[in-house]
């Protein structure tokens, strides 16, 4: 499962699934609003690399917003609704 989806659709996952975040063209910092989603609150992904996290058994079902900060242009990524990206836990 990749977080970088060409159509910016939300990532859908269930506990135990792995989600890979890839940084293309910039370093990125990811902040999860709920530590129960992945067991972490922040990730740093260097340009040209990727980091994989596992969805926790404690993850809240439904939409879980997270923030992605791109260092190249010093801005936050947004989805098609012009809001923070989400991971939908089934």
N, C-alpha and C. Protein backbone atom coordinates (compact mmCIF):
# COMPACT_ATOMS: atom_id res chain seq x y z
N UNK A 1 0.85 -1.16 0.00
CA UNK A 1 0.00 0.00 0.00
C UNK A 1 0.90 1.23 0.00
N UNK A 2 0.67 2.13 -0.90
CA UNK A 2 1.49 3.33 -1.01
C UNK A 2 0.67 4.55 -0.63
N UNK A 3 1.29 5.47 0.13
CA UNK A 3 0.60 6.70 0.48
C UNK A 3 0.58 7.66 -0.70
N UNK A 4 1.50 7.50 -1.64
CA UNK A 4 1.54 8.39 -2.80
C UNK A 4 0.65 7.82 -3.88
N UNK A 5 -0.54 8.28 -3.96
CA UNK A 5 -1.50 7.81 -4.94
C UNK A 5 -1.67 8.92 -5.97
N UNK A 6 -1.54 8.59 -7.24
CA UNK A 6 -1.55 9.61 -8.28
C UNK A 6 -2.84 10.41 -8.34
N UNK A 7 -3.94 9.88 -7.82
CA UNK A 7 -5.18 10.65 -7.86
C UNK A 7 -5.50 11.30 -6.52
N UNK A 8 -4.57 11.29 -5.58
CA UNK A 8 -4.74 11.91 -4.27
C UNK A 8 -5.90 11.34 -3.48
N UNK A 9 -6.33 10.13 -3.78
CA UNK A 9 -7.41 9.49 -3.02
C UNK A 9 -6.89 9.16 -1.63
N UNK A 10 -7.78 9.18 -0.63
CA UNK A 10 -7.34 8.80 0.72
C UNK A 10 -6.81 7.37 0.74
N UNK A 11 -5.86 7.13 1.60
CA UNK A 11 -5.34 5.77 1.81
C UNK A 11 -6.34 5.03 2.68
N UNK A 12 -6.70 3.83 2.29
CA UNK A 12 -7.58 2.98 3.10
C UNK A 12 -6.76 1.81 3.62
N UNK A 13 -6.91 1.52 4.91
CA UNK A 13 -6.13 0.46 5.53
C UNK A 13 -6.91 -0.13 6.70
N UNK A 14 -6.38 -1.23 7.21
CA UNK A 14 -6.94 -1.85 8.41
C UNK A 14 -5.78 -2.16 9.35
N UNK A 15 -6.04 -2.38 10.63
CA UNK A 15 -4.95 -2.69 11.55
C UNK A 15 -4.08 -3.83 11.01
N UNK A 16 -2.77 -3.64 11.14
CA UNK A 16 -1.82 -4.62 10.64
C UNK A 16 -1.30 -4.33 9.24
N UNK A 17 -2.02 -3.50 8.47
CA UNK A 17 -1.55 -3.14 7.14
C UNK A 17 -0.31 -2.26 7.23
N UNK A 18 0.51 -2.30 6.22
CA UNK A 18 1.70 -1.46 6.13
C UNK A 18 1.43 -0.34 5.13
N UNK A 19 1.87 0.87 5.46
CA UNK A 19 1.72 2.03 4.59
C UNK A 19 3.12 2.60 4.35
N UNK A 20 3.46 2.82 3.08
CA UNK A 20 4.76 3.35 2.73
C UNK A 20 4.63 4.80 2.28
N UNK A 21 5.42 5.66 2.91
CA UNK A 21 5.49 7.08 2.53
C UNK A 21 6.79 7.29 1.77
N UNK A 22 6.71 7.85 0.57
CA UNK A 22 7.88 8.11 -0.26
C UNK A 22 8.07 9.60 -0.44
N UNK A 23 9.31 10.05 -0.36
CA UNK A 23 9.65 11.46 -0.54
C UNK A 23 10.29 11.64 -1.91
N UNK A 24 9.61 12.31 -2.80
CA UNK A 24 10.12 12.53 -4.14
C UNK A 24 10.36 14.02 -4.35
N UNK A 25 11.59 14.40 -4.56
CA UNK A 25 11.90 15.79 -4.85
C UNK A 25 12.07 16.69 -3.65
N UNK A 26 11.82 16.18 -2.44
CA UNK A 26 11.93 16.97 -1.23
C UNK A 26 12.01 16.06 -0.01
N UNK A 27 12.63 16.55 1.05
CA UNK A 27 12.49 15.87 2.34
C UNK A 27 11.09 16.17 2.84
N UNK A 28 10.49 15.23 3.56
CA UNK A 28 9.17 15.48 4.15
C UNK A 28 9.17 15.09 5.62
N UNK A 29 8.34 15.80 6.36
CA UNK A 29 8.08 15.48 7.76
C UNK A 29 6.60 15.15 7.85
N UNK A 30 6.28 14.03 8.49
CA UNK A 30 4.89 13.59 8.63
C UNK A 30 4.53 13.62 10.10
N UNK A 31 3.37 14.22 10.41
CA UNK A 31 2.89 14.25 11.78
C UNK A 31 1.52 13.59 11.84
N UNK A 32 1.42 12.55 12.65
CA UNK A 32 0.14 11.87 12.86
C UNK A 32 -0.54 12.53 14.05
N UNK A 33 -1.81 12.85 13.91
CA UNK A 33 -2.55 13.55 14.96
C UNK A 33 -2.85 12.64 16.15
N UNK A 34 -2.85 11.33 15.92
CA UNK A 34 -3.16 10.36 16.97
C UNK A 34 -2.06 9.30 17.01
N UNK A 35 -1.34 9.23 18.12
CA UNK A 35 -0.25 8.27 18.26
C UNK A 35 -0.74 6.83 18.08
N UNK A 36 -2.02 6.59 18.33
CA UNK A 36 -2.57 5.23 18.21
C UNK A 36 -2.66 4.75 16.76
N UNK A 37 -2.53 5.66 15.80
CA UNK A 37 -2.62 5.25 14.40
C UNK A 37 -1.46 4.34 14.01
N UNK A 38 -0.23 4.75 14.36
CA UNK A 38 0.95 3.97 13.98
C UNK A 38 1.90 3.71 15.14
N UNK A 39 1.58 4.24 16.32
CA UNK A 39 2.49 4.12 17.45
C UNK A 39 3.55 5.21 17.45
N UNK A 40 3.48 6.12 16.49
CA UNK A 40 4.42 7.23 16.37
C UNK A 40 3.66 8.53 16.14
N UNK A 41 4.28 9.63 16.49
CA UNK A 41 3.64 10.91 16.19
C UNK A 41 4.31 11.61 15.01
N UNK A 42 5.60 11.36 14.77
CA UNK A 42 6.28 12.02 13.66
C UNK A 42 7.21 11.06 12.92
N UNK A 43 7.39 11.35 11.65
CA UNK A 43 8.34 10.63 10.79
C UNK A 43 9.08 11.65 9.96
N UNK A 44 10.32 11.37 9.64
CA UNK A 44 11.07 12.19 8.70
C UNK A 44 11.49 11.28 7.57
N UNK A 45 11.21 11.69 6.33
CA UNK A 45 11.56 10.89 5.17
C UNK A 45 12.45 11.75 4.27
N UNK A 46 13.68 11.30 4.05
CA UNK A 46 14.63 12.03 3.22
C UNK A 46 14.27 11.89 1.74
N UNK A 47 14.55 12.94 0.99
CA UNK A 47 14.34 12.96 -0.46
C UNK A 47 14.91 11.70 -1.10
N UNK A 48 14.08 11.06 -1.93
CA UNK A 48 14.52 9.87 -2.65
C UNK A 48 14.43 8.58 -1.86
N UNK A 49 13.90 8.64 -0.64
CA UNK A 49 13.76 7.42 0.17
C UNK A 49 12.30 7.21 0.55
N UNK A 50 12.05 6.12 1.26
CA UNK A 50 10.70 5.85 1.74
C UNK A 50 10.78 5.23 3.13
N UNK A 51 9.67 5.35 3.85
CA UNK A 51 9.55 4.79 5.20
C UNK A 51 8.21 4.06 5.26
N UNK A 52 8.23 2.88 5.85
CA UNK A 52 7.01 2.08 5.99
C UNK A 52 6.60 2.01 7.45
N UNK A 53 5.31 2.23 7.70
CA UNK A 53 4.75 2.11 9.05
C UNK A 53 3.64 1.07 9.03
N UNK A 54 3.35 0.52 10.19
CA UNK A 54 2.27 -0.46 10.33
C UNK A 54 1.12 0.18 11.09
N UNK A 55 -0.10 0.00 10.57
CA UNK A 55 -1.29 0.52 11.25
C UNK A 55 -1.48 -0.29 12.53
N UNK A 56 -1.59 0.42 13.64
CA UNK A 56 -1.72 -0.20 14.95
C UNK A 56 -3.09 -0.83 15.16
N UNK A 57 -3.14 -1.84 16.02
CA UNK A 57 -4.42 -2.43 16.42
C UNK A 57 -5.27 -1.42 17.19
N UNK A 58 -4.65 -0.36 17.72
CA UNK A 58 -5.36 0.66 18.49
C UNK A 58 -5.85 1.81 17.61
N UNK A 59 -5.62 1.75 16.30
CA UNK A 59 -6.01 2.84 15.40
C UNK A 59 -7.52 3.05 15.42
N UNK A 60 -7.91 4.32 15.45
CA UNK A 60 -9.33 4.70 15.45
C UNK A 60 -9.92 4.43 14.08
N UNK A 61 -11.07 3.77 14.04
CA UNK A 61 -11.75 3.52 12.77
C UNK A 61 -12.26 4.83 12.19
N UNK A 62 -12.30 4.90 10.86
CA UNK A 62 -12.75 6.10 10.18
C UNK A 62 -11.58 6.93 9.70
N UNK A 63 -11.83 8.24 9.50
CA UNK A 63 -10.81 9.13 8.97
C UNK A 63 -9.80 9.55 10.03
N UNK A 64 -8.54 9.45 9.69
CA UNK A 64 -7.44 9.89 10.56
C UNK A 64 -6.59 10.87 9.76
N UNK A 65 -6.68 12.16 10.09
CA UNK A 65 -5.90 13.17 9.39
C UNK A 65 -4.45 13.12 9.83
N UNK A 66 -3.58 13.50 8.92
CA UNK A 66 -2.16 13.64 9.24
C UNK A 66 -1.62 14.80 8.42
N UNK A 67 -0.47 15.31 8.80
CA UNK A 67 0.12 16.44 8.10
C UNK A 67 1.42 16.01 7.44
N UNK A 68 1.68 16.55 6.24
CA UNK A 68 2.93 16.31 5.53
C UNK A 68 3.53 17.66 5.19
N UNK A 69 4.71 17.93 5.75
CA UNK A 69 5.41 19.19 5.49
C UNK A 69 6.53 18.92 4.50
N UNK A 70 6.54 19.66 3.40
CA UNK A 70 7.54 19.53 2.35
C UNK A 70 8.59 20.63 2.52
N UNK A 71 9.85 20.23 2.70
CA UNK A 71 10.89 21.23 2.98
C UNK A 71 11.28 22.05 1.75
N UNK A 72 11.11 21.51 0.55
CA UNK A 72 11.56 22.23 -0.65
C UNK A 72 10.83 23.55 -0.85
N UNK A 73 9.54 23.56 -0.57
CA UNK A 73 8.79 24.81 -0.72
C UNK A 73 8.19 25.29 0.60
N UNK A 74 8.62 24.65 1.70
CA UNK A 74 8.20 25.07 3.05
C UNK A 74 6.67 25.18 3.17
N UNK A 75 5.97 24.14 2.70
CA UNK A 75 4.52 24.15 2.76
C UNK A 75 3.99 22.76 3.12
N UNK A 76 2.73 22.74 3.52
CA UNK A 76 2.06 21.50 3.87
C UNK A 76 1.33 20.94 2.65
N UNK A 77 1.39 19.63 2.48
CA UNK A 77 0.65 18.97 1.40
C UNK A 77 -0.83 19.00 1.73
N UNK A 78 -1.65 19.07 0.68
CA UNK A 78 -3.11 19.05 0.84
C UNK A 78 -3.68 18.05 -0.15
N UNK A 79 -4.89 17.58 0.15
CA UNK A 79 -5.53 16.64 -0.76
C UNK A 79 -6.43 17.39 -1.74
N UNK A 80 -7.21 16.67 -2.51
CA UNK A 80 -8.07 17.29 -3.53
C UNK A 80 -9.13 18.20 -2.91
N UNK A 81 -9.48 17.98 -1.65
CA UNK A 81 -10.48 18.83 -0.98
C UNK A 81 -9.82 20.03 -0.32
N UNK A 82 -8.52 20.24 -0.62
CA UNK A 82 -7.75 21.34 -0.05
C UNK A 82 -7.69 21.25 1.47
N UNK A 83 -7.62 20.04 1.97
CA UNK A 83 -7.51 19.81 3.41
C UNK A 83 -6.38 18.80 3.64
N UNK A 84 -6.01 18.60 4.90
CA UNK A 84 -4.93 17.64 5.17
C UNK A 84 -5.27 16.25 4.65
N UNK A 85 -4.25 15.47 4.27
CA UNK A 85 -4.50 14.11 3.82
C UNK A 85 -5.05 13.25 4.96
N UNK A 86 -5.73 12.17 4.60
CA UNK A 86 -6.31 11.27 5.60
C UNK A 86 -5.98 9.82 5.28
N UNK A 87 -5.97 9.02 6.33
CA UNK A 87 -5.91 7.57 6.20
C UNK A 87 -7.23 7.07 6.77
N UNK A 88 -7.96 6.30 5.99
CA UNK A 88 -9.25 5.76 6.43
C UNK A 88 -9.01 4.35 6.96
N UNK A 89 -9.32 4.16 8.23
CA UNK A 89 -9.16 2.85 8.85
C UNK A 89 -10.49 2.12 8.78
N UNK A 90 -10.45 0.95 8.18
CA UNK A 90 -11.67 0.11 8.03
C UNK A 90 -11.86 -0.78 9.23
